[in-house]
Amino acid sequence: MDYPTPRTPAEQFAHRLSIALIPPTIAAAVFALLVLAYEHGSIFHQVVVWVVATACAGGLQMAYVMYLRKMKQVSAYDVPERLQRTKPYMISAGISLGGLMFLLFLNASVFVWGLMWCFLVNTLILNAINLRWKISAHMMGFTGPLVFLFPLFGWELLWTLPLIALLGWARVTLRAHTIAQVIAGALAGIALTLLQAWVIIAVILPLMK
């Protein structure tokens, strides 16, 4: 990511933390846990499902943004300019849609394809919000996937709260977002993913029977 050169130890730490906890990294880790818990096919099947999910939930999107940066169509790898985010968000949603179709074809667990559905819909909502206001995608990308880990870990997930707060501090310290944008991103990630989970359970799964 291209941030202004960190000048203080706090900014340097915030810079490293923001890079370590980018949404594709969180997605890869959460999908790994979901595959291990809910995919009961062969090891090959599990690996293929994880690779597809990880690639289409962030890996390919990250490669696309790197291409845009190389072509100087965005000012930095984390796309700090709000108006430059529309195209990456729409491409990201398209990639997630392809990933969702592929996961359904692979007969992946509902927990896995369900999270991909959430990435798709939440990205479209994120783009709509971004047309008016720069909400934190970092925070949404962190808190949203945690919803799908609740059946596995329950309230033990509360240990992530300090890490969520630390990431929020990092985004504010780097002047990438305001406090309001960080809080809104964290809450939107949880609320929107809960909403999508309800849609999957109450609407989509009955239609698939």
Protein backbone atom coordinates (compact mmCIF):
# COMPACT_ATOMS: atom_id res chain seq x y z
CA MET A 1 0.00 0.00 0.00
CA ASP A 2 1.14 3.51 -0.73
CA TYR A 3 0.75 5.70 2.31
CA PRO A 4 2.64 8.87 3.07
CA THR A 5 6.03 7.80 4.44
CA PRO A 6 5.46 6.94 8.12
CA ARG A 7 7.27 9.50 10.22
CA THR A 8 6.78 8.25 13.77
CA PRO A 9 7.03 4.79 15.37
CA ALA A 10 3.24 4.83 15.81
CA GLU A 11 2.69 5.51 12.11
CA GLN A 12 5.19 2.82 11.17
CA PHE A 13 3.37 0.29 13.35
CA ALA A 14 0.00 1.40 11.97
CA HIS A 15 1.35 1.02 8.44
CA ARG A 16 2.51 -2.56 9.05
CA LEU A 17 -0.73 -3.49 10.81
CA SER A 18 -2.85 -2.13 7.97
CA ILE A 19 -0.88 -4.20 5.49
CA ALA A 20 -1.05 -7.36 7.62
CA LEU A 21 -4.81 -7.11 8.14
CA ILE A 22 -5.96 -6.25 4.62
CA PRO A 23 -9.34 -7.85 3.77
CA PRO A 24 -7.88 -10.54 1.44
CA THR A 25 -5.71 -11.81 4.31
CA ILE A 26 -8.68 -11.98 6.66
CA ALA A 27 -10.78 -13.70 3.99
CA ALA A 28 -8.10 -16.32 3.35
CA ALA A 29 -7.81 -17.13 7.07
CA VAL A 30 -11.58 -17.32 7.63
CA PHE A 31 -12.15 -19.48 4.56
CA ALA A 32 -9.38 -21.82 5.75
CA LEU A 33 -11.19 -22.31 9.06
CA LEU A 34 -14.54 -22.81 7.33
CA VAL A 35 -13.12 -25.35 4.89
CA LEU A 36 -11.45 -27.30 7.69
CA ALA A 37 -14.66 -27.32 9.72
CA TYR A 38 -17.34 -27.91 7.08
CA GLU A 39 -15.80 -29.40 3.93
CA HIS A 40 -15.76 -33.17 4.37
CA GLY A 41 -14.64 -34.26 0.93
CA SER A 42 -11.14 -35.27 -0.13
CA ILE A 43 -8.10 -33.18 0.68
CA PHE A 44 -7.97 -32.22 -3.00
CA HIS A 45 -11.57 -31.01 -2.86
CA GLN A 46 -10.86 -28.98 0.27
CA VAL A 47 -7.80 -27.36 -1.29
CA VAL A 48 -9.66 -26.50 -4.50
CA VAL A 49 -12.55 -24.97 -2.55
CA TRP A 50 -10.18 -22.93 -0.39
CA VAL A 51 -8.16 -21.71 -3.40
CA VAL A 52 -11.29 -20.67 -5.30
CA ALA A 53 -12.78 -18.94 -2.27
CA THR A 54 -9.57 -17.14 -1.36
CA ALA A 55 -8.87 -16.05 -4.92
CA CYS A 56 -12.38 -14.74 -5.55
CA ALA A 57 -12.84 -13.08 -2.15
CA GLY A 58 -9.73 -10.96 -2.38
CA GLY A 59 -6.76 -12.48 -4.16
CA LEU A 60 -7.79 -11.61 -7.70
CA GLN A 61 -9.13 -8.26 -6.56
CA MET A 62 -5.78 -7.44 -5.00
CA ALA A 63 -4.01 -8.38 -8.23
CA TYR A 64 -6.41 -6.14 -10.17
CA VAL A 65 -5.72 -3.16 -7.89
CA MET A 66 -2.00 -3.76 -8.30
CA TYR A 67 -2.54 -3.60 -12.07
CA LEU A 68 -4.51 -0.35 -11.71
CA ARG A 69 -1.71 1.10 -9.59
CA LYS A 70 0.89 0.10 -12.17
CA MET A 71 -1.20 1.77 -14.87
CA LYS A 72 -1.55 4.82 -12.58
CA GLN A 73 -5.32 4.61 -12.59
CA VAL A 74 -5.37 4.73 -8.78
CA SER A 75 -3.15 6.82 -6.54
CA ALA A 76 -2.22 4.04 -4.10
CA TYR A 77 -2.72 0.33 -3.51
CA ASP A 78 -5.39 0.91 -0.88
CA VAL A 79 -7.17 3.37 -3.23
CA PRO A 80 -7.47 6.26 -0.76
CA GLU A 81 -9.38 8.48 -3.19
CA ARG A 82 -13.09 7.75 -2.74
CA LEU A 83 -14.03 8.40 -6.36
CA GLN A 84 -11.35 5.99 -7.59
CA ARG A 85 -12.96 3.10 -5.69
CA THR A 86 -16.06 2.56 -7.84
CA LYS A 87 -14.38 0.58 -10.61
CA PRO A 88 -12.39 -1.70 -8.24
CA TYR A 89 -15.53 -2.35 -6.16
CA MET A 90 -17.62 -3.31 -9.18
CA ILE A 91 -14.88 -5.56 -10.57
CA SER A 92 -14.52 -7.08 -7.10
CA ALA A 93 -18.25 -7.83 -6.98
CA GLY A 94 -18.03 -9.46 -10.41
CA ILE A 95 -15.15 -11.67 -9.31
CA SER A 96 -17.05 -12.65 -6.15
CA LEU A 97 -20.06 -13.57 -8.30
CA GLY A 98 -17.86 -15.83 -10.40
CA GLY A 99 -16.45 -17.36 -7.23
CA LEU A 100 -19.95 -17.97 -5.88
CA MET A 101 -20.97 -19.78 -9.06
CA PHE A 102 -17.81 -21.89 -8.98
CA LEU A 103 -18.29 -22.81 -5.31
CA LEU A 104 -21.87 -23.89 -5.99
CA PHE A 105 -20.60 -25.99 -8.90
CA LEU A 106 -18.08 -27.59 -6.53
CA ASN A 107 -20.91 -28.32 -4.08
CA ALA A 108 -19.10 -26.40 -1.38
CA SER A 109 -20.54 -26.07 2.11
CA VAL A 110 -23.20 -23.42 2.64
CA PHE A 111 -20.84 -21.78 5.12
CA VAL A 112 -18.24 -21.33 2.38
CA TRP A 113 -20.45 -20.24 -0.51
CA GLY A 114 -22.57 -18.27 1.95
CA LEU A 115 -19.62 -16.14 2.94
CA MET A 116 -18.83 -15.59 -0.72
CA TRP A 117 -22.43 -14.42 -1.20
CA CYS A 118 -21.83 -11.95 1.61
CA PHE A 119 -18.67 -10.65 -0.05
CA LEU A 120 -20.63 -10.13 -3.26
CA VAL A 121 -23.64 -8.32 -1.78
CA ASN A 122 -21.69 -6.39 0.84
CA THR A 123 -19.29 -5.11 -1.82
CA LEU A 124 -22.20 -3.78 -3.85
CA ILE A 125 -23.58 -2.07 -0.75
CA LEU A 126 -20.12 -0.75 0.09
CA ASN A 127 -19.87 0.74 -3.37
CA ALA A 128 -23.27 2.42 -3.00
CA ILE A 129 -22.18 3.95 0.32
CA ASN A 130 -18.85 5.00 -1.20
CA LEU A 131 -20.64 7.10 -3.79
CA ARG A 132 -21.53 9.45 -0.95
CA TRP A 133 -19.16 8.69 1.90
CA LYS A 134 -15.80 6.97 2.39
CA ILE A 135 -16.59 4.15 4.81
CA SER A 136 -13.72 1.89 5.94
CA ALA A 137 -13.46 -1.22 3.77
CA HIS A 138 -10.62 -2.43 6.01
CA MET A 139 -12.97 -2.58 8.99
CA MET A 140 -15.83 -4.15 7.02
CA GLY A 141 -13.44 -6.74 5.65
CA PHE A 142 -12.34 -7.63 9.16
CA THR A 143 -15.59 -7.74 11.13
CA GLY A 144 -17.89 -9.15 8.44
CA PRO A 145 -16.24 -12.57 8.02
CA LEU A 146 -16.10 -13.01 11.80
CA VAL A 147 -19.89 -13.51 11.76
CA PHE A 148 -19.37 -16.82 9.94
CA LEU A 149 -16.95 -17.96 12.64
CA PHE A 150 -19.50 -17.51 15.44
CA PRO A 151 -20.96 -21.04 15.03
CA LEU A 152 -17.42 -22.40 15.48
CA PHE A 153 -16.10 -20.23 18.30
CA GLY A 154 -19.12 -18.53 19.85
CA TRP A 155 -18.38 -15.75 22.28
CA GLU A 156 -14.69 -16.66 22.28
CA LEU A 157 -14.55 -14.34 19.26
CA LEU A 158 -14.68 -11.46 21.72
CA TRP A 159 -10.90 -11.78 21.96
CA THR A 160 -10.77 -10.17 18.51
CA LEU A 161 -12.24 -6.90 19.85
CA PRO A 162 -8.85 -5.47 20.86
CA LEU A 163 -7.47 -6.34 17.43
CA ILE A 164 -10.46 -4.69 15.74
CA ALA A 165 -9.91 -1.58 17.85
CA LEU A 166 -6.20 -1.63 17.03
CA LEU A 167 -6.90 -1.81 13.31
CA GLY A 168 -9.32 1.09 13.64
CA TRP A 169 -6.65 3.08 15.44
CA ALA A 170 -4.19 2.27 12.64
CA ARG A 171 -6.53 3.51 9.92
CA VAL A 172 -7.13 6.76 11.79
CA THR A 173 -3.42 7.19 12.62
CA LEU A 174 -2.57 6.84 8.93
CA ARG A 175 -5.24 9.44 8.16
CA ALA A 176 -6.92 6.96 5.84
CA HIS A 177 -10.24 7.38 7.68
CA THR A 178 -11.95 9.34 10.38
CA ILE A 179 -13.08 7.75 13.63
CA ALA A 180 -16.68 7.83 12.38
CA GLN A 181 -15.73 6.03 9.14
CA VAL A 182 -13.86 3.36 11.08
CA ILE A 183 -16.70 2.73 13.52
CA ALA A 184 -19.25 2.72 10.71
CA GLY A 185 -17.17 0.21 8.76
CA ALA A 186 -16.84 -2.15 11.74
CA LEU A 187 -20.55 -2.03 12.56
CA ALA A 188 -21.62 -2.27 8.91
CA GLY A 189 -19.46 -5.35 8.41
CA ILE A 190 -21.27 -7.16 11.22
CA ALA A 191 -24.77 -5.87 10.48
CA LEU A 192 -24.67 -6.43 6.73
CA THR A 193 -23.21 -9.92 7.06
CA LEU A 194 -25.86 -10.86 9.63
CA LEU A 195 -28.48 -9.58 7.19
CA GLN A 196 -27.03 -11.65 4.34
CA ALA A 197 -26.86 -14.73 6.58
CA TRP A 198 -30.56 -14.29 7.36
CA VAL A 199 -31.35 -13.97 3.63
CA ILE A 200 -29.44 -17.18 2.94
CA ILE A 201 -31.23 -19.11 5.71
CA ALA A 202 -34.72 -17.70 5.24
CA VAL A 203 -34.88 -17.19 1.48
CA ILE A 204 -32.12 -18.80 -0.57
CA LEU A 205 -31.81 -22.21 1.08
CA PRO A 206 -35.59 -22.89 0.92
CA LEU A 207 -35.54 -22.00 -2.78
CA MET A 208 -32.67 -24.44 -3.38
CA LYS A 209 -34.57 -27.42 -1.98
